[in-house]
Amino acid sequence: MNYVNMRDAKTSLSRLVEDVELRRETEIIIARGGRPVARLVPLAPVTSVERRIGVAKGIFEVPDDIDARDDEVAALINGRRE
């Protein structure tokens, strides 16, 4: 844990955020007049899209001919009728 006064926090905010982001610091306490008033901590990791793949696994089955009408669908999206 690192204590930083408000003036130093203002002038070095980018570095302080990087310190918690890269886990060089677990938290940084910002003080005003020697009294702690705020805490800078890293957020929990954001769940990536990659982790969502398979979220509906087992809920439905994809038909073997799922791509059979791609050209027709593309034509409709593009405003053409086949």
PDB file of N, CA and C in Angstrom:
ATOM      1  N   MET A   1       0.857  -1.176   0.000  1.00  0.00           N
ATOM      2  CA  MET A   1       0.000   0.000   0.000  1.00  0.00           C
ATOM      3  C   MET A   1       0.895   1.227   0.000  1.00  0.00           C
ATOM      4  N   ASN A   2       0.521   2.183  -0.806  1.00  0.00           N
ATOM      5  CA  ASN A   2       1.310   3.388  -0.984  1.00  0.00           C
ATOM      6  C   ASN A   2       0.428   4.599  -0.695  1.00  0.00           C
ATOM      7  N   TYR A   3       0.940   5.547   0.091  1.00  0.00           N
ATOM      8  CA  TYR A   3       0.219   6.789   0.362  1.00  0.00           C
ATOM      9  C   TYR A   3       0.775   7.892  -0.515  1.00  0.00           C
ATOM     10  N   VAL A   4      -0.116   8.681  -1.128  1.00  0.00           N
ATOM     11  CA  VAL A   4       0.275   9.777  -2.006  1.00  0.00           C
ATOM     12  C   VAL A   4      -0.591  10.978  -1.658  1.00  0.00           C
ATOM     13  N   ASN A   5       0.039  12.175  -1.576  1.00  0.00           N
ATOM     14  CA  ASN A   5      -0.786  13.350  -1.310  1.00  0.00           C
ATOM     15  C   ASN A   5      -1.478  13.787  -2.598  1.00  0.00           C
ATOM     16  N   MET A   6      -2.504  14.575  -2.479  1.00  0.00           N
ATOM     17  CA  MET A   6      -3.353  14.966  -3.598  1.00  0.00           C
ATOM     18  C   MET A   6      -2.548  15.639  -4.715  1.00  0.00           C
ATOM     19  N   ARG A   7      -1.639  16.521  -4.348  1.00  0.00           N
ATOM     20  CA  ARG A   7      -0.840  17.226  -5.369  1.00  0.00           C
ATOM     21  C   ARG A   7      -0.008  16.239  -6.188  1.00  0.00           C
ATOM     22  N   ASP A   8       0.649  15.299  -5.524  1.00  0.00           N
ATOM     23  CA  ASP A   8       1.449  14.305  -6.244  1.00  0.00           C
ATOM     24  C   ASP A   8       0.559  13.392  -7.087  1.00  0.00           C
ATOM     25  N   ALA A   9      -0.623  13.081  -6.591  1.00  0.00           N
ATOM     26  CA  ALA A   9      -1.550  12.234  -7.342  1.00  0.00           C
ATOM     27  C   ALA A   9      -1.971  12.929  -8.637  1.00  0.00           C
ATOM     28  N   LYS A  10      -2.205  14.231  -8.565  1.00  0.00           N
ATOM     29  CA  LYS A  10      -2.596  14.978  -9.765  1.00  0.00           C
ATOM     30  C   LYS A  10      -1.494  14.979 -10.812  1.00  0.00           C
ATOM     31  N   THR A  11      -0.272  15.164 -10.373  1.00  0.00           N
ATOM     32  CA  THR A  11       0.828  15.280 -11.328  1.00  0.00           C
ATOM     33  C   THR A  11       1.318  13.928 -11.842  1.00  0.00           C
ATOM     34  N   SER A  12       0.984  12.856 -11.151  1.00  0.00           N
ATOM     35  CA  SER A  12       1.485  11.545 -11.587  1.00  0.00           C
ATOM     36  C   SER A  12       0.383  10.501 -11.692  1.00  0.00           C
ATOM     37  N   LEU A  13      -0.815  10.940 -12.054  1.00  0.00           N
ATOM     38  CA  LEU A  13      -1.946  10.027 -12.119  1.00  0.00           C
ATOM     39  C   LEU A  13      -1.704   8.869 -13.094  1.00  0.00           C
ATOM     40  N   SER A  14      -1.159   9.147 -14.267  1.00  0.00           N
ATOM     41  CA  SER A  14      -0.921   8.079 -15.248  1.00  0.00           C
ATOM     42  C   SER A  14      -0.010   6.996 -14.676  1.00  0.00           C
ATOM     43  N   ARG A  15       1.051   7.404 -14.001  1.00  0.00           N
ATOM     44  CA  ARG A  15       1.978   6.434 -13.408  1.00  0.00           C
ATOM     45  C   ARG A  15       1.304   5.651 -12.294  1.00  0.00           C
ATOM     46  N   LEU A  16       0.506   6.317 -11.482  1.00  0.00           N
ATOM     47  CA  LEU A  16      -0.186   5.635 -10.382  1.00  0.00           C
ATOM     48  C   LEU A  16      -1.173   4.598 -10.915  1.00  0.00           C
ATOM     49  N   VAL A  17      -1.919   4.963 -11.957  1.00  0.00           N
ATOM     50  CA  VAL A  17      -2.860   4.018 -12.562  1.00  0.00           C
ATOM     51  C   VAL A  17      -2.096   2.832 -13.146  1.00  0.00           C
ATOM     52  N   GLU A  18      -0.997   3.096 -13.802  1.00  0.00           N
ATOM     53  CA  GLU A  18      -0.183   2.009 -14.355  1.00  0.00           C
ATOM     54  C   GLU A  18       0.335   1.088 -13.246  1.00  0.00           C
ATOM     55  N   ASP A  19       0.725   1.671 -12.120  1.00  0.00           N
ATOM     56  CA  ASP A  19       1.223   0.868 -10.994  1.00  0.00           C
ATOM     57  C   ASP A  19       0.174  -0.119 -10.485  1.00  0.00           C
ATOM     58  N   VAL A  20      -1.081   0.322 -10.382  1.00  0.00           N
ATOM     59  CA  VAL A  20      -2.115  -0.618  -9.918  1.00  0.00           C
ATOM     60  C   VAL A  20      -2.549  -1.543 -11.048  1.00  0.00           C
ATOM     61  N   GLU A  21      -2.554  -1.039 -12.260  1.00  0.00           N
ATOM     62  CA  GLU A  21      -2.951  -1.863 -13.397  1.00  0.00           C
ATOM     63  C   GLU A  21      -1.995  -3.041 -13.590  1.00  0.00           C
ATOM     64  N   LEU A  22      -0.700  -2.782 -13.448  1.00  0.00           N
ATOM     65  CA  LEU A  22       0.312  -3.823 -13.618  1.00  0.00           C
ATOM     66  C   LEU A  22       0.610  -4.562 -12.317  1.00  0.00           C
ATOM     67  N   ARG A  23      -0.168  -4.246 -11.278  1.00  0.00           N
ATOM     68  CA  ARG A  23      -0.060  -4.920  -9.977  1.00  0.00           C
ATOM     69  C   ARG A  23       1.281  -4.673  -9.276  1.00  0.00           C
ATOM     70  N   ARG A  24       1.923  -3.538  -9.615  1.00  0.00           N
ATOM     71  CA  ARG A  24       3.120  -3.166  -8.852  1.00  0.00           C
ATOM     72  C   ARG A  24       2.698  -2.667  -7.478  1.00  0.00           C
ATOM     73  N   GLU A  25       1.479  -2.163  -7.394  1.00  0.00           N
ATOM     74  CA  GLU A  25       0.865  -1.741  -6.131  1.00  0.00           C
ATOM     75  C   GLU A  25      -0.507  -2.390  -6.038  1.00  0.00           C
ATOM     76  N   THR A  26      -0.865  -2.882  -4.857  1.00  0.00           N
ATOM     77  CA  THR A  26      -2.196  -3.460  -4.687  1.00  0.00           C
ATOM     78  C   THR A  26      -3.240  -2.367  -4.501  1.00  0.00           C
ATOM     79  N   GLU A  27      -2.833  -1.249  -3.908  1.00  0.00           N
ATOM     80  CA  GLU A  27      -3.702  -0.093  -3.785  1.00  0.00           C
ATOM     81  C   GLU A  27      -2.863   1.133  -3.473  1.00  0.00           C
ATOM     82  N   ILE A  28      -3.397   2.293  -3.824  1.00  0.00           N
ATOM     83  CA  ILE A  28      -2.738   3.556  -3.534  1.00  0.00           C
ATOM     84  C   ILE A  28      -3.760   4.428  -2.828  1.00  0.00           C
ATOM     85  N   ILE A  29      -3.385   4.890  -1.645  1.00  0.00           N
ATOM     86  CA  ILE A  29      -4.260   5.767  -0.863  1.00  0.00           C
ATOM     87  C   ILE A  29      -3.890   7.205  -1.173  1.00  0.00           C
ATOM     88  N   ILE A  30      -4.891   7.998  -1.529  1.00  0.00           N
ATOM     89  CA  ILE A  30      -4.685   9.418  -1.817  1.00  0.00           C
ATOM     90  C   ILE A  30      -5.155  10.214  -0.602  1.00  0.00           C
ATOM     91  N   ALA A  31      -4.261  11.073  -0.142  1.00  0.00           N
ATOM     92  CA  ALA A  31      -4.540  11.850   1.069  1.00  0.00           C
ATOM     93  C   ALA A  31      -4.626  13.336   0.748  1.00  0.00           C
ATOM     94  N   ARG A  32      -5.463  14.024   1.513  1.00  0.00           N
ATOM     95  CA  ARG A  32      -5.567  15.483   1.417  1.00  0.00           C
ATOM     96  C   ARG A  32      -5.338  16.021   2.827  1.00  0.00           C
ATOM     97  N   GLY A  33      -4.349  16.870   2.945  1.00  0.00           N
ATOM     98  CA  GLY A  33      -4.027  17.418   4.260  1.00  0.00           C
ATOM     99  C   GLY A  33      -3.593  16.338   5.242  1.00  0.00           C
ATOM    100  N   GLY A  34      -2.958  15.291   4.740  1.00  0.00           N
ATOM    101  CA  GLY A  34      -2.482  14.215   5.604  1.00  0.00           C
ATOM    102  C   GLY A  34      -3.556  13.218   6.005  1.00  0.00           C
ATOM    103  N   ARG A  35      -4.776  13.418   5.510  1.00  0.00           N
ATOM    104  CA  ARG A  35      -5.886  12.518   5.864  1.00  0.00           C
ATOM    105  C   ARG A  35      -6.295  11.711   4.641  1.00  0.00           C
ATOM    106  N   PRO A  36      -6.323  10.379   4.732  1.00  0.00           N
ATOM    107  CA  PRO A  36      -6.725   9.548   3.591  1.00  0.00           C
ATOM    108  C   PRO A  36      -8.151   9.873   3.156  1.00  0.00           C
ATOM    109  N   VAL A  37      -8.331  10.074   1.834  1.00  0.00           N
ATOM    110  CA  VAL A  37      -9.662  10.415   1.325  1.00  0.00           C
ATOM    111  C   VAL A  37     -10.116   9.531   0.165  1.00  0.00           C
ATOM    112  N   ALA A  38      -9.185   8.843  -0.502  1.00  0.00           N
ATOM    113  CA  ALA A  38      -9.566   8.014  -1.650  1.00  0.00           C
ATOM    114  C   ALA A  38      -8.582   6.852  -1.781  1.00  0.00           C
ATOM    115  N   ARG A  39      -9.065   5.827  -2.477  1.00  0.00           N
ATOM    116  CA  ARG A  39      -8.234   4.644  -2.691  1.00  0.00           C
ATOM    117  C   ARG A  39      -8.261   4.293  -4.177  1.00  0.00           C
ATOM    118  N   LEU A  40      -7.098   4.099  -4.757  1.00  0.00           N
ATOM    119  CA  LEU A  40      -6.961   3.700  -6.151  1.00  0.00           C
ATOM    120  C   LEU A  40      -6.598   2.221  -6.160  1.00  0.00           C
ATOM    121  N   VAL A  41      -7.490   1.418  -6.746  1.00  0.00           N
ATOM    122  CA  VAL A  41      -7.280  -0.034  -6.774  1.00  0.00           C
ATOM    123  C   VAL A  41      -7.552  -0.548  -8.186  1.00  0.00           C
ATOM    124  N   PRO A  42      -6.944  -1.681  -8.560  1.00  0.00           N
ATOM    125  CA  PRO A  42      -7.229  -2.227  -9.889  1.00  0.00           C
ATOM    126  C   PRO A  42      -8.623  -2.838  -9.936  1.00  0.00           C
ATOM    127  N   LEU A  43      -9.249  -2.764 -11.094  1.00  0.00           N
ATOM    128  CA  LEU A  43     -10.536  -3.417 -11.288  1.00  0.00           C
ATOM    129  C   LEU A  43     -10.313  -4.903 -11.517  1.00  0.00           C
ATOM    130  N   ALA A  44     -11.345  -5.668 -11.287  1.00  0.00           N
ATOM    131  CA  ALA A  44     -11.279  -7.098 -11.592  1.00  0.00           C
ATOM    132  C   ALA A  44     -11.094  -7.245 -13.091  1.00  0.00           C
ATOM    133  N   PRO A  45     -10.394  -8.271 -13.530  1.00  0.00           N
ATOM    134  CA  PRO A  45     -10.203  -8.465 -14.975  1.00  0.00           C
ATOM    135  C   PRO A  45     -11.533  -8.547 -15.709  1.00  0.00           C
ATOM    136  N   VAL A  46     -11.580  -7.936 -16.880  1.00  0.00           N
ATOM    137  CA  VAL A  46     -12.774  -7.966 -17.712  1.00  0.00           C
ATOM    138  C   VAL A  46     -12.849  -9.338 -18.381  1.00  0.00           C
ATOM    139  N   THR A  47     -14.023  -9.934 -18.354  1.00  0.00           N
ATOM    140  CA  THR A  47     -14.211 -11.218 -19.014  1.00  0.00           C
ATOM    141  C   THR A  47     -14.118 -11.002 -20.516  1.00  0.00           C
ATOM    142  N   SER A  48     -13.245 -11.718 -21.146  1.00  0.00           N
ATOM    143  CA  SER A  48     -13.067 -11.544 -22.580  1.00  0.00           C
ATOM    144  C   SER A  48     -14.144 -12.296 -23.346  1.00  0.00           C
ATOM    145  N   VAL A  49     -14.321 -11.920 -24.589  1.00  0.00           N
ATOM    146  CA  VAL A  49     -15.300 -12.566 -25.458  1.00  0.00           C
ATOM    147  C   VAL A  49     -14.953 -14.040 -25.612  1.00  0.00           C
ATOM    148  N   GLU A  50     -13.658 -14.356 -25.620  1.00  0.00           N
ATOM    149  CA  GLU A  50     -13.231 -15.736 -25.792  1.00  0.00           C
ATOM    150  C   GLU A  50     -13.832 -16.653 -24.726  1.00  0.00           C
ATOM    151  N   ARG A  51     -14.014 -16.154 -23.554  1.00  0.00           N
ATOM    152  CA  ARG A  51     -14.586 -16.971 -22.480  1.00  0.00           C
ATOM    153  C   ARG A  51     -16.076 -17.214 -22.680  1.00  0.00           C
ATOM    154  N   ARG A  52     -16.716 -16.419 -23.529  1.00  0.00           N
ATOM    155  CA  ARG A  52     -18.152 -16.576 -23.754  1.00  0.00           C
ATOM    156  C   ARG A  52     -18.458 -17.647 -24.781  1.00  0.00           C
ATOM    157  N   ILE A  53     -17.481 -18.012 -25.588  1.00  0.00           N
ATOM    158  CA  ILE A  53     -17.724 -19.027 -26.600  1.00  0.00           C
ATOM    159  C   ILE A  53     -18.157 -20.309 -25.902  1.00  0.00           C
ATOM    160  N   GLY A  54     -19.224 -20.888 -26.380  1.00  0.00           N
ATOM    161  CA  GLY A  54     -19.717 -22.125 -25.787  1.00  0.00           C
ATOM    162  C   GLY A  54     -20.709 -21.904 -24.660  1.00  0.00           C
ATOM    163  N   VAL A  55     -21.092 -20.659 -24.422  1.00  0.00           N
ATOM    164  CA  VAL A  55     -21.994 -20.369 -23.315  1.00  0.00           C
ATOM    165  C   VAL A  55     -23.348 -21.068 -23.491  1.00  0.00           C
ATOM    166  N   ALA A  56     -23.763 -21.320 -24.738  1.00  0.00           N
ATOM    167  CA  ALA A  56     -25.045 -21.986 -24.996  1.00  0.00           C
ATOM    168  C   ALA A  56     -24.862 -23.451 -25.371  1.00  0.00           C
ATOM    169  N   LYS A  57     -23.672 -23.971 -25.129  1.00  0.00           N
ATOM    170  CA  LYS A  57     -23.383 -25.357 -25.507  1.00  0.00           C
ATOM    171  C   LYS A  57     -24.395 -26.307 -24.871  1.00  0.00           C
ATOM    172  N   GLY A  58     -24.959 -27.162 -25.708  1.00  0.00           N
ATOM    173  CA  GLY A  58     -25.923 -28.137 -25.220  1.00  0.00           C
ATOM    174  C   GLY A  58     -27.355 -27.640 -25.183  1.00  0.00           C
ATOM    175  N   ILE A  59     -27.576 -26.352 -25.407  1.00  0.00           N
ATOM    176  CA  ILE A  59     -28.929 -25.795 -25.354  1.00  0.00           C
ATOM    177  C   ILE A  59     -29.650 -26.023 -26.681  1.00  0.00           C
ATOM    178  N   PHE A  60     -28.921 -25.960 -27.799  1.00  0.00           N
ATOM    179  CA  PHE A  60     -29.521 -26.224 -29.099  1.00  0.00           C
ATOM    180  C   PHE A  60     -28.477 -26.860 -30.003  1.00  0.00           C
ATOM    181  N   GLU A  61     -28.943 -27.444 -31.073  1.00  0.00           N
ATOM    182  CA  GLU A  61     -28.043 -28.061 -32.042  1.00  0.00           C
ATOM    183  C   GLU A  61     -28.041 -27.251 -33.325  1.00  0.00           C
ATOM    184  N   VAL A  62     -26.867 -27.075 -33.892  1.00  0.00           N
ATOM    185  CA  VAL A  62     -26.728 -26.363 -35.150  1.00  0.00           C
ATOM    186  C   VAL A  62     -26.962 -27.369 -36.276  1.00  0.00           C
ATOM    187  N   PRO A  63     -27.898 -27.082 -37.168  1.00  0.00           N
ATOM    188  CA  PRO A  63     -28.176 -28.027 -38.260  1.00  0.00           C
ATOM    189  C   PRO A  63     -26.981 -28.133 -39.215  1.00  0.00           C
ATOM    190  N   ASP A  64     -26.844 -29.285 -39.835  1.00  0.00           N
ATOM    191  CA  ASP A  64     -25.733 -29.514 -40.763  1.00  0.00           C
ATOM    192  C   ASP A  64     -25.773 -28.574 -41.960  1.00  0.00           C
ATOM    193  N   ASP A  65     -26.973 -28.139 -42.356  1.00  0.00           N
ATOM    194  CA  ASP A  65     -27.100 -27.280 -43.537  1.00  0.00           C
ATOM    195  C   ASP A  65     -27.218 -25.795 -43.169  1.00  0.00           C
ATOM    196  N   ILE A  66     -26.624 -25.399 -42.058  1.00  0.00           N
ATOM    197  CA  ILE A  66     -26.761 -24.024 -41.582  1.00  0.00           C
ATOM    198  C   ILE A  66     -26.291 -22.984 -42.602  1.00  0.00           C
ATOM    199  N   ASP A  67     -25.317 -23.330 -43.417  1.00  0.00           N
ATOM    200  CA  ASP A  67     -24.779 -22.374 -44.386  1.00  0.00           C
ATOM    201  C   ASP A  67     -25.435 -22.473 -45.765  1.00  0.00           C
ATOM    202  N   ALA A  68     -26.398 -23.338 -45.911  1.00  0.00           N
ATOM    203  CA  ALA A  68     -26.991 -23.617 -47.225  1.00  0.00           C
ATOM    204  C   ALA A  68     -27.647 -22.390 -47.861  1.00  0.00           C
ATOM    205  N   ARG A  69     -28.165 -21.478 -47.073  1.00  0.00           N
ATOM    206  CA  ARG A  69     -28.903 -20.334 -47.633  1.00  0.00           C
ATOM    207  C   ARG A  69     -28.162 -19.012 -47.440  1.00  0.00           C
ATOM    208  N   ASP A  70     -26.847 -19.061 -47.239  1.00  0.00           N
ATOM    209  CA  ASP A  70     -26.064 -17.840 -47.012  1.00  0.00           C
ATOM    210  C   ASP A  70     -26.209 -16.831 -48.142  1.00  0.00           C
ATOM    211  N   ASP A  71     -26.171 -17.299 -49.383  1.00  0.00           N
ATOM    212  CA  ASP A  71     -26.276 -16.385 -50.528  1.00  0.00           C
ATOM    213  C   ASP A  71     -27.633 -15.677 -50.544  1.00  0.00           C
ATOM    214  N   GLU A  72     -28.675 -16.422 -50.231  1.00  0.00           N
ATOM    215  CA  GLU A  72     -30.022 -15.841 -50.203  1.00  0.00           C
ATOM    216  C   GLU A  72     -30.142 -14.796 -49.086  1.00  0.00           C
ATOM    217  N   VAL A  73     -29.617 -15.105 -47.931  1.00  0.00           N
ATOM    218  CA  VAL A  73     -29.656 -14.163 -46.799  1.00  0.00           C
ATOM    219  C   VAL A  73     -28.846 -12.915 -47.132  1.00  0.00           C
ATOM    220  N   ALA A  74     -27.658 -13.077 -47.704  1.00  0.00           N
ATOM    221  CA  ALA A  74     -26.831 -11.932 -48.087  1.00  0.00           C
ATOM    222  C   ALA A  74     -27.562 -11.050 -49.090  1.00  0.00           C
ATOM    223  N   ALA A  75     -28.252 -11.657 -50.029  1.00  0.00           N
ATOM    224  CA  ALA A  75     -29.011 -10.896 -51.031  1.00  0.00           C
ATOM    225  C   ALA A  75     -30.115 -10.083 -50.356  1.00  0.00           C
ATOM    226  N   LEU A  76     -30.805 -10.679 -49.407  1.00  0.00           N
ATOM    227  CA  LEU A  76     -31.868  -9.949 -48.690  1.00  0.00           C
ATOM    228  C   LEU A  76     -31.301  -8.797 -47.888  1.00  0.00           C
ATOM    229  N   ILE A  77     -30.162  -9.018 -47.240  1.00  0.00           N
ATOM    230  CA  ILE A  77     -29.540  -7.959 -46.442  1.00  0.00           C
ATOM    231  C   ILE A  77     -29.117  -6.803 -47.344  1.00  0.00           C
ATOM    232  N   ASN A  78     -28.632  -7.133 -48.536  1.00  0.00           N
ATOM    233  CA  ASN A  78     -28.164  -6.124 -49.461  1.00  0.00           C
ATOM    234  C   ASN A  78     -29.281  -5.529 -50.319  1.00  0.00           C
ATOM    235  N   GLY A  79     -30.507  -5.911 -50.039  1.00  0.00           N
ATOM    236  CA  GLY A  79     -31.649  -5.323 -50.737  1.00  0.00           C
ATOM    237  C   GLY A  79     -31.967  -5.933 -52.073  1.00  0.00           C
ATOM    238  N   ARG A  80     -31.457  -7.110 -52.333  1.00  0.00           N
ATOM    239  CA  ARG A  80     -31.740  -7.801 -53.597  1.00  0.00           C
ATOM    240  C   ARG A  80     -32.572  -9.035 -53.301  1.00  0.00           C
ATOM    241  N   ARG A  81     -33.399  -9.393 -54.259  1.00  0.00           N
ATOM    242  CA  ARG A  81     -34.167 -10.641 -54.130  1.00  0.00           C
ATOM    243  C   ARG A  81     -33.684 -11.594 -55.198  1.00  0.00           C
ATOM    244  N   GLU A  82     -33.524 -12.833 -54.827  1.00  0.00           N
ATOM    245  CA  GLU A  82     -33.089 -13.841 -55.800  1.00  0.00           C
ATOM    246  C   GLU A  82     -34.242 -14.717 -56.162  1.00  0.00           C
TER     247      GLU A  82
END
